[in-house]
Protein backbone atom coordinates (compact mmCIF):
# COMPACT_ATOMS: atom_id res chain seq x y z
CA UNK A 1 0.03 0.02 0.02
CA UNK A 2 2.80 2.34 0.80
CA UNK A 3 4.38 1.68 -2.57
CA UNK A 4 1.09 2.38 -4.29
CA UNK A 5 0.57 5.52 -2.29
CA UNK A 6 4.11 6.68 -3.20
CA UNK A 7 3.56 6.01 -6.87
CA UNK A 8 0.17 7.79 -6.76
CA UNK A 9 1.89 10.81 -5.14
CA UNK A 10 4.63 10.88 -7.75
CA UNK A 11 1.94 10.54 -10.45
CA UNK A 12 0.11 13.50 -9.05
CA UNK A 13 3.33 15.52 -8.90
CA UNK A 14 4.20 14.64 -12.47
CA UNK A 15 0.70 15.56 -13.58
CA UNK A 16 0.89 18.86 -11.66
CA UNK A 17 4.30 19.54 -13.20
CA UNK A 18 2.91 18.83 -16.70
CA UNK A 19 0.00 21.25 -16.11
CA UNK A 20 2.41 23.93 -14.87
CA UNK A 21 4.73 23.40 -17.81
CA UNK A 22 1.77 23.56 -20.20
CA UNK A 23 0.59 26.77 -18.55
CA UNK A 24 4.09 28.20 -18.57
CA UNK A 25 4.46 27.43 -22.34
CA UNK A 26 1.04 28.88 -23.01
CA UNK A 27 1.83 32.04 -21.14
CA UNK A 28 5.18 32.40 -22.98
CA UNK A 29 3.51 31.80 -26.31
CA UNK A 30 0.84 34.35 -25.50
CA UNK A 31 3.46 36.88 -24.50
CA UNK A 32 5.37 36.22 -27.75
CA UNK A 33 2.21 36.58 -29.85
CA UNK A 34 1.35 39.79 -28.00
CA UNK A 35 4.82 41.20 -28.48
CA UNK A 36 4.78 40.29 -32.20
CA UNK A 37 1.37 41.86 -32.60
CA UNK A 38 2.53 45.04 -31.02
CA UNK A 39 5.52 45.24 -33.33
CA UNK A 40 3.20 44.57 -36.33
CA UNK A 41 0.85 47.32 -35.11
CA UNK A 42 3.79 49.69 -34.78
CA UNK A 43 4.85 48.90 -38.42
CA UNK A 44 1.28 49.47 -39.65
CA UNK A 45 1.08 52.80 -37.78
CA UNK A 46 4.28 53.89 -39.50
CA UNK A 47 2.89 52.83 -42.83
CA UNK A 48 -0.21 54.90 -42.15
CA UNK A 49 1.89 57.89 -41.25
CA UNK A 50 3.98 57.41 -44.47
CA UNK A 51 0.77 57.29 -46.58
CA UNK A 52 -0.50 60.42 -44.91
CA UNK A 53 2.83 62.22 -45.47
CA UNK A 54 2.86 61.07 -49.15
CA UNK A 55 -0.50 62.68 -49.70
CA UNK A 56 0.65 65.75 -47.81
CA UNK A 57 3.63 66.07 -50.10
CA UNK A 58 1.38 65.71 -53.08
CA UNK A 59 -1.10 68.34 -51.79
CA UNK A 60 1.83 70.72 -50.92
CA UNK A 61 3.32 70.21 -54.38
CA UNK A 62 -0.12 71.08 -55.95
CA UNK A 63 -0.36 74.23 -53.84
CA UNK A 64 3.17 75.03 -55.10
CA UNK A 65 2.01 74.78 -58.67
CA UNK A 66 -1.18 76.78 -57.88
CA UNK A 67 0.72 79.64 -56.44
CA UNK A 68 3.61 79.55 -58.87
CA UNK A 69 6.10 78.84 -56.08
CA UNK A 70 8.04 76.13 -57.89
CA UNK A 71 11.03 78.36 -58.22
CA UNK A 72 10.59 79.89 -54.79
CA UNK A 73 13.82 78.09 -53.89
CA UNK A 74 16.26 78.30 -56.83
CA UNK A 75 18.65 75.64 -55.49
CA UNK A 76 18.33 72.21 -53.87
CA UNK A 77 18.41 70.78 -51.19
CA UNK A 78 19.16 74.14 -49.62
CA UNK A 79 17.02 77.24 -50.24
CA UNK A 80 19.02 80.30 -51.28
CA UNK A 81 22.09 78.58 -49.94
CA UNK A 82 20.54 78.03 -46.49
CA UNK A 83 18.62 75.40 -44.71
CA UNK A 84 16.23 78.09 -43.37
CA UNK A 85 15.26 80.39 -46.18
CA UNK A 86 15.28 84.22 -46.02
CA UNK A 87 12.21 86.32 -45.42
CA UNK A 88 13.43 89.50 -47.00
CA UNK A 89 15.29 90.31 -50.20
CA UNK A 90 17.77 92.31 -48.15
CA UNK A 91 19.19 89.01 -46.87
CA UNK A 92 20.25 88.14 -50.45
CA UNK A 93 23.21 89.46 -52.41
CA UNK A 94 22.43 91.89 -55.27
CA UNK A 95 23.53 89.40 -57.95
CA UNK A 96 21.57 86.46 -56.56
CA UNK A 97 19.79 85.91 -59.90
CA UNK A 98 22.92 85.63 -61.95
CA UNK A 99 24.53 83.43 -59.31
CA UNK A 100 21.68 80.82 -59.27
CA UNK A 101 21.41 80.83 -63.07
CA UNK A 102 25.09 79.92 -63.24
CA UNK A 103 24.63 77.12 -60.70
CA UNK A 104 21.61 75.82 -62.67
CA UNK A 105 23.59 75.86 -65.95
CA UNK A 106 26.37 73.80 -64.47
CA UNK A 107 23.92 71.26 -63.10
CA UNK A 108 21.98 71.05 -66.34
CA UNK A 109 25.18 70.50 -68.39
CA UNK A 110 25.91 67.46 -66.24
CA UNK A 111 22.34 66.19 -66.63
CA UNK A 112 22.42 66.59 -70.38
CA UNK A 113 25.69 64.64 -70.56
CA UNK A 114 24.10 61.90 -68.42
CA UNK A 115 20.95 61.37 -70.51
CA UNK A 116 22.47 61.68 -73.99
CA UNK A 117 23.82 58.02 -73.95
CA UNK A 118 20.27 56.91 -73.25
CA UNK A 119 19.13 58.27 -76.51
CA UNK A 120 17.31 61.30 -75.12
CA UNK A 121 19.09 63.80 -77.34
CA UNK A 122 16.10 66.07 -77.91
CA UNK A 123 15.44 66.37 -74.17
CA UNK A 124 19.24 66.98 -73.56
CA UNK A 125 19.23 69.76 -76.17
CA UNK A 126 16.16 71.29 -74.52
CA UNK A 127 17.81 71.20 -71.08
CA UNK A 128 20.96 72.73 -72.49
CA UNK A 129 19.50 75.46 -74.77
CA UNK A 130 15.99 76.27 -73.79
CA UNK A 131 16.17 79.96 -72.63
CA UNK A 132 13.04 79.60 -70.46
CA UNK A 133 14.96 77.23 -68.16
CA UNK A 134 17.18 80.09 -67.19
CA UNK A 135 14.55 82.63 -66.35
CA UNK A 136 15.08 83.53 -62.77
CA UNK A 137 12.04 84.80 -60.95
CA UNK A 138 12.04 87.69 -58.50
CA UNK A 139 12.26 86.88 -54.79
CA UNK A 140 8.88 86.74 -53.07
CA UNK A 141 9.12 85.45 -49.59
CA UNK A 142 5.61 83.85 -49.51
CA UNK A 143 6.49 81.67 -52.52
CA UNK A 144 9.78 80.73 -51.02
CA UNK A 145 8.29 79.52 -47.87
CA UNK A 146 5.49 77.68 -49.62
CA UNK A 147 8.17 75.72 -51.50
CA UNK A 148 10.17 75.27 -48.34
CA UNK A 149 7.20 73.72 -46.53
CA UNK A 150 6.79 71.37 -49.49
CA UNK A 151 10.37 70.24 -48.96
CA UNK A 152 9.89 69.89 -45.23
CA UNK A 153 6.89 67.54 -45.89
CA UNK A 154 9.15 65.44 -48.11
CA UNK A 155 11.83 65.29 -45.44
CA UNK A 156 9.20 64.17 -42.87
CA UNK A 157 8.06 61.41 -45.30
CA UNK A 158 11.67 60.17 -45.51
CA UNK A 159 11.87 59.95 -41.73
CA UNK A 160 8.71 57.91 -41.47
CA UNK A 161 9.78 55.60 -44.32
CA UNK A 162 13.13 54.93 -42.65
CA UNK A 163 11.32 54.17 -39.38
CA UNK A 164 8.92 51.91 -41.20
CA UNK A 165 11.82 50.01 -42.80
CA UNK A 166 13.36 49.37 -39.38
CA UNK A 167 9.93 48.16 -38.06
CA UNK A 168 9.46 45.94 -41.05
CA UNK A 169 12.47 43.83 -40.17
CA UNK A 170 10.24 41.72 -37.90
CA UNK A 171 8.95 40.13 -41.15
CA UNK A 172 12.45 39.32 -42.50
CA UNK A 173 12.37 35.56 -41.62
CA UNK A 174 8.79 34.73 -42.77
CA UNK A 175 7.86 37.48 -45.31
CA UNK A 176 11.07 38.91 -46.55
CA UNK A 177 9.21 40.62 -49.43
CA UNK A 178 7.76 43.23 -46.95
CA UNK A 179 11.04 44.84 -45.78
CA UNK A 180 12.41 44.57 -49.32
CA UNK A 181 9.35 46.46 -50.69
CA UNK A 182 9.76 49.11 -48.00
CA UNK A 183 13.39 49.46 -48.97
CA UNK A 184 12.43 49.75 -52.62
CA UNK A 185 9.91 52.59 -51.70
CA UNK A 186 12.80 54.38 -49.91
CA UNK A 187 14.93 54.12 -53.02
CA UNK A 188 12.03 55.47 -55.16
CA UNK A 189 11.50 58.29 -52.70
CA UNK A 190 15.15 59.15 -52.69
CA UNK A 191 15.03 59.20 -56.46
CA UNK A 192 12.02 61.50 -56.18
CA UNK A 193 14.17 63.88 -54.11
CA UNK A 194 16.80 63.88 -56.79
CA UNK A 195 14.01 64.48 -59.34
CA UNK A 196 12.99 67.37 -57.25
CA UNK A 197 16.44 68.92 -57.76
CA UNK A 198 16.04 68.35 -61.51
CA UNK A 199 12.57 70.03 -61.49
CA UNK A 200 14.25 73.03 -59.90
CA UNK A 201 17.37 73.07 -62.12
CA UNK A 202 15.30 72.72 -65.32
CA UNK A 203 12.81 75.42 -64.15
CA UNK A 204 9.84 73.02 -64.03
CA UNK A 205 10.52 71.36 -67.46
CA UNK A 206 7.26 69.60 -68.48
CA UNK A 207 8.53 66.06 -69.10
CA UNK A 208 10.31 66.02 -65.73
CA UNK A 209 7.08 67.01 -63.97
CA UNK A 210 5.17 64.11 -65.51
CA UNK A 211 7.89 61.56 -64.27
CA UNK A 212 7.80 63.27 -60.90
CA UNK A 213 3.95 62.62 -60.69
CA UNK A 214 4.19 58.93 -61.88
CA UNK A 215 6.82 58.16 -59.22
CA UNK A 216 4.56 59.57 -56.60
CA UNK A 217 1.82 57.18 -57.70
CA UNK A 218 4.38 54.34 -57.48
CA UNK A 219 5.09 55.20 -53.85
CA UNK A 220 1.31 55.35 -53.03
CA UNK A 221 0.75 51.93 -54.64
CA UNK A 222 3.59 50.33 -52.66
CA UNK A 223 2.51 51.78 -49.31
CA UNK A 224 -1.09 51.01 -49.74
CA UNK A 225 -0.33 47.46 -50.89
CA UNK A 226 1.79 46.80 -47.82
CA UNK A 227 -0.88 48.33 -45.57
CA UNK A 228 -3.54 45.89 -46.88
CA UNK A 229 -1.09 42.95 -46.96
CA UNK A 230 -0.15 43.26 -43.35
CA UNK A 231 -3.73 43.83 -42.12
CA UNK A 232 -5.08 41.21 -39.69
CA UNK A 233 -7.58 38.77 -41.17
CA UNK A 234 -10.72 37.41 -39.51
CA UNK A 235 -12.03 34.68 -41.80
CA UNK A 236 -11.53 33.10 -45.19
CA UNK A 237 -13.44 34.44 -48.16
CA UNK A 238 -16.85 32.65 -48.63
CA UNK A 239 -16.44 32.76 -52.43
CA UNK A 240 -13.76 33.99 -54.74
CA UNK A 241 -15.91 34.47 -57.83
CA UNK A 242 -17.14 37.97 -57.10
CA UNK A 243 -13.78 39.00 -55.64
CA UNK A 244 -11.98 37.92 -58.79
CA UNK A 245 -14.44 39.80 -60.95
CA UNK A 246 -13.91 42.93 -58.88
CA UNK A 247 -10.18 42.51 -59.07
CA UNK A 248 -10.12 42.29 -62.90
CA UNK A 249 -12.38 45.35 -62.99
CA UNK A 250 -10.11 47.26 -60.64
CA UNK A 251 -7.07 46.32 -62.77
CA UNK A 252 -8.74 47.99 -65.68
CA UNK A 253 -9.87 51.03 -63.73
CA UNK A 254 -6.36 51.54 -62.25
CA UNK A 255 -4.88 51.46 -65.79
CA UNK A 256 -7.46 53.96 -67.04
CA UNK A 257 -6.73 56.18 -64.01
CA UNK A 258 -3.06 56.22 -64.82
CA UNK A 259 -3.75 57.05 -68.43
CA UNK A 260 -6.08 59.82 -67.28
CA UNK A 261 -3.40 61.18 -65.04
CA UNK A 262 -0.90 61.25 -67.81
CA UNK A 263 -3.42 63.07 -70.05
CA UNK A 264 -4.04 65.46 -67.20
CA UNK A 265 -0.37 66.33 -66.85
CA UNK A 266 -0.25 67.04 -70.52
CA UNK A 267 -3.29 69.36 -70.28
CA UNK A 268 -1.63 71.03 -67.22
CA UNK A 269 1.53 71.63 -69.14
CA UNK A 270 -0.47 73.28 -71.97
CA UNK A 271 -2.33 75.39 -69.34
CA UNK A 272 1.04 76.57 -67.94
CA UNK A 273 2.13 77.71 -71.41
CA UNK A 274 -1.16 79.36 -72.21
CA UNK A 275 -1.30 81.12 -68.87
CA UNK A 276 2.18 82.57 -69.42
CA UNK A 277 1.03 83.76 -72.80
CA UNK A 278 -1.91 85.55 -71.31
CA UNK A 279 0.25 86.85 -68.45
CA UNK A 280 -1.90 84.77 -66.08
CA UNK A 281 -4.94 86.85 -66.89
CA UNK A 282 -8.16 86.16 -68.88
CA UNK A 283 -8.61 82.72 -67.46
CA UNK A 284 -11.92 82.29 -69.30
CA UNK A 285 -10.01 82.01 -72.53
CA UNK A 286 -7.53 79.36 -71.56
CA UNK A 287 -9.70 76.31 -72.16
CA UNK A 288 -10.45 77.38 -75.74
CA UNK A 289 -6.72 77.34 -76.48
CA UNK A 290 -6.26 73.71 -75.55
CA UNK A 291 -5.77 71.04 -78.29
CA UNK A 292 -7.28 67.52 -78.71
CA UNK A 293 -5.62 66.17 -75.59
CA UNK A 294 -8.10 68.13 -73.43
CA UNK A 295 -10.98 66.59 -75.27
CA UNK A 296 -9.61 63.06 -74.83
CA UNK A 297 -9.02 63.87 -71.13
CA UNK A 298 -12.64 65.07 -70.71
CA UNK A 299 -14.03 61.99 -72.54
CA UNK A 300 -11.90 59.70 -70.35
CA UNK A 301 -13.41 61.28 -67.20
CA UNK A 302 -16.82 60.03 -68.26
CA UNK A 303 -15.44 56.51 -68.85
CA UNK A 304 -13.85 56.53 -65.32
CA UNK A 305 -16.96 58.06 -63.80
CA UNK A 306 -19.22 55.25 -65.02
CA UNK A 307 -16.55 52.56 -64.45
CA UNK A 308 -16.08 53.53 -60.80
CA UNK A 309 -19.87 54.03 -60.34
CA UNK A 310 -20.40 50.37 -61.55
CA UNK A 311 -17.69 49.04 -59.32
CA UNK A 312 -19.09 50.86 -56.21
CA UNK A 313 -22.59 49.66 -57.03
CA UNK A 314 -21.47 46.06 -57.22
CA UNK A 315 -19.71 46.32 -53.87
CA UNK A 316 -22.65 48.02 -52.20
CA UNK A 317 -25.00 45.31 -53.55
CA UNK A 318 -22.99 42.10 -53.13
CA UNK A 319 -20.14 42.82 -50.67
CA UNK A 320 -21.77 45.17 -48.12
CA UNK A 321 -20.93 42.52 -45.38
CA UNK A 322 -17.16 43.17 -46.03
CA UNK A 323 -16.77 46.21 -43.91
CA UNK A 324 -13.27 47.36 -44.99
CA UNK A 325 -14.13 47.04 -48.66
CA UNK A 326 -17.62 48.54 -48.28
CA UNK A 327 -16.24 51.63 -46.42
CA UNK A 328 -13.40 52.17 -48.93
CA UNK A 329 -15.94 51.97 -51.78
CA UNK A 330 -17.89 54.84 -50.15
CA UNK A 331 -14.71 56.89 -50.02
CA UNK A 332 -13.96 56.04 -53.68
CA UNK A 333 -17.44 57.17 -54.76
CA UNK A 334 -17.06 60.47 -52.90
CA UNK A 335 -13.60 61.07 -54.35
CA UNK A 336 -14.76 60.39 -57.99
CA UNK A 337 -17.82 62.63 -57.47
CA UNK A 338 -15.87 65.60 -56.13
CA UNK A 339 -13.06 65.07 -58.84
CA UNK A 340 -15.71 65.16 -61.52
CA UNK A 341 -17.23 68.37 -60.12
CA UNK A 342 -13.84 70.06 -59.88
CA UNK A 343 -13.05 69.05 -63.46
CA UNK A 344 -16.33 70.60 -64.60
CA UNK A 345 -15.57 73.77 -62.66
CA UNK A 346 -12.22 74.08 -64.27
CA UNK A 347 -13.56 73.44 -67.77
CA UNK A 348 -16.50 75.75 -67.69
CA UNK A 349 -15.71 78.38 -65.02
CA UNK A 350 -12.38 79.79 -66.17
CA UNK A 351 -9.91 77.34 -64.54
CA UNK A 352 -10.00 78.90 -61.01
CA UNK A 353 -6.70 78.42 -59.29
CA UNK A 354 -8.12 76.74 -56.19
CA UNK A 355 -9.72 73.91 -58.25
CA UNK A 356 -6.38 72.74 -59.70
CA UNK A 357 -4.72 71.38 -56.59
CA UNK A 358 -8.10 69.83 -55.48
CA UNK A 359 -8.46 68.03 -58.78
CA UNK A 360 -4.93 66.70 -58.61
CA UNK A 361 -5.16 65.64 -55.00
CA UNK A 362 -8.50 63.78 -55.58
CA UNK A 363 -6.96 61.82 -58.48
CA UNK A 364 -4.32 60.60 -56.12
CA UNK A 365 -6.97 59.68 -53.52
CA UNK A 366 -8.91 57.82 -56.21
CA UNK A 367 -5.80 55.91 -57.23
CA UNK A 368 -5.06 55.00 -53.57
CA UNK A 369 -8.59 53.73 -52.96
CA UNK A 370 -8.44 51.65 -56.07
CA UNK A 371 -5.17 50.06 -55.11
CA UNK A 372 -6.58 49.39 -51.61
CA UNK A 373 -9.55 47.51 -53.01
CA UNK A 374 -7.48 45.62 -55.63
CA UNK A 375 -5.09 44.48 -52.86
CA UNK A 376 -8.00 43.61 -50.50
CA UNK A 377 -9.59 41.39 -53.08
CA UNK A 378 -6.28 39.57 -53.56
CA UNK A 379 -6.16 38.35 -49.91
CA UNK A 380 -7.22 34.92 -48.76
CA UNK A 381 -8.86 36.39 -45.61
CA UNK A 382 -11.08 39.38 -45.00
CA UNK A 383 -9.59 42.41 -43.42
CA UNK A 384 -10.73 42.84 -39.79
CA UNK A 385 -12.47 46.02 -38.81
CA UNK A 386 -9.54 47.08 -36.62
CA UNK A 387 -7.32 47.02 -39.77
CA UNK A 388 -9.36 49.25 -41.89
CA UNK A 389 -8.07 52.30 -43.64
CA UNK A 390 -9.68 54.66 -41.08
CA UNK A 391 -10.28 53.22 -37.65
């Protein structure tokens, strides 16, 4: 009996130890999962901040164009040779215009030599010999500081992207593509900064501005894709048929949006030339001076309006249970509606200056919403409410 009691006691101790070990392992696992979830949330917060700053840079750039402040800082990355720009012309030397024209010529000669081997001889000749590139504007402190704020927004974006890259390293072992994509976005953003210096040195040369805009869209696409990819899922899709249909439709709409943006940049470049010819007066005559590109741009807007309306209707009707997608579709419908109205205002009410940055900014919001939906439909699980675009 004593032996049996001893064995029974040992058995109870062993069982108690196993329960304790299981509880300890469970607690450690829970702590590990909680720690990982916090790190993932930190990364997604930095992604959200990066997306916000990207749109802030785009909006600031649009205001720069609206106010004609693009040459408010004639050099880059400094502004009038200083990291904090002047507020009065008395702080500048008398020959500041000639000085910065000389600096710009030197930089443009290097740029022309760089692109000639790529076969871009016409662009190189334009950069080297176009007299409009070397037109130095008078110092106006308001324009200088508008451009300076635009650059500060770009610097803030760089800080958030670098922090996001460091935070993304938690995915290195299991999802290496995530930190690699963030690193690629940093490279593109850095190239954007270099492009900014080219925009300044070429005095807002049209082709450079178009490339500048497309790279901004590339940054938006990468950040939004990562934001959706790293969102927490709640359950598997019930059916992939509708989601696949929506994804194909969105691929077409995204393509059309990019074409529309390219057409829009061409129209904007023509507007800049026409405005200069009219000395920025008689705005009611500008639209009549545009060529066929404006008509194609206007017709494309109808195609995009109906295409996005159909997409939103399908989501409202068949996918209203998918909260993240349903809510983003509402945003998309609002963005498209306001963008259409702003386009009508510009076309028929004399191209008011305030409508131009709004129209550009909304086109970027439309693109971001489309990429969000496209990425969401490519997931195997639905996005939880806590991972939605706006909590």
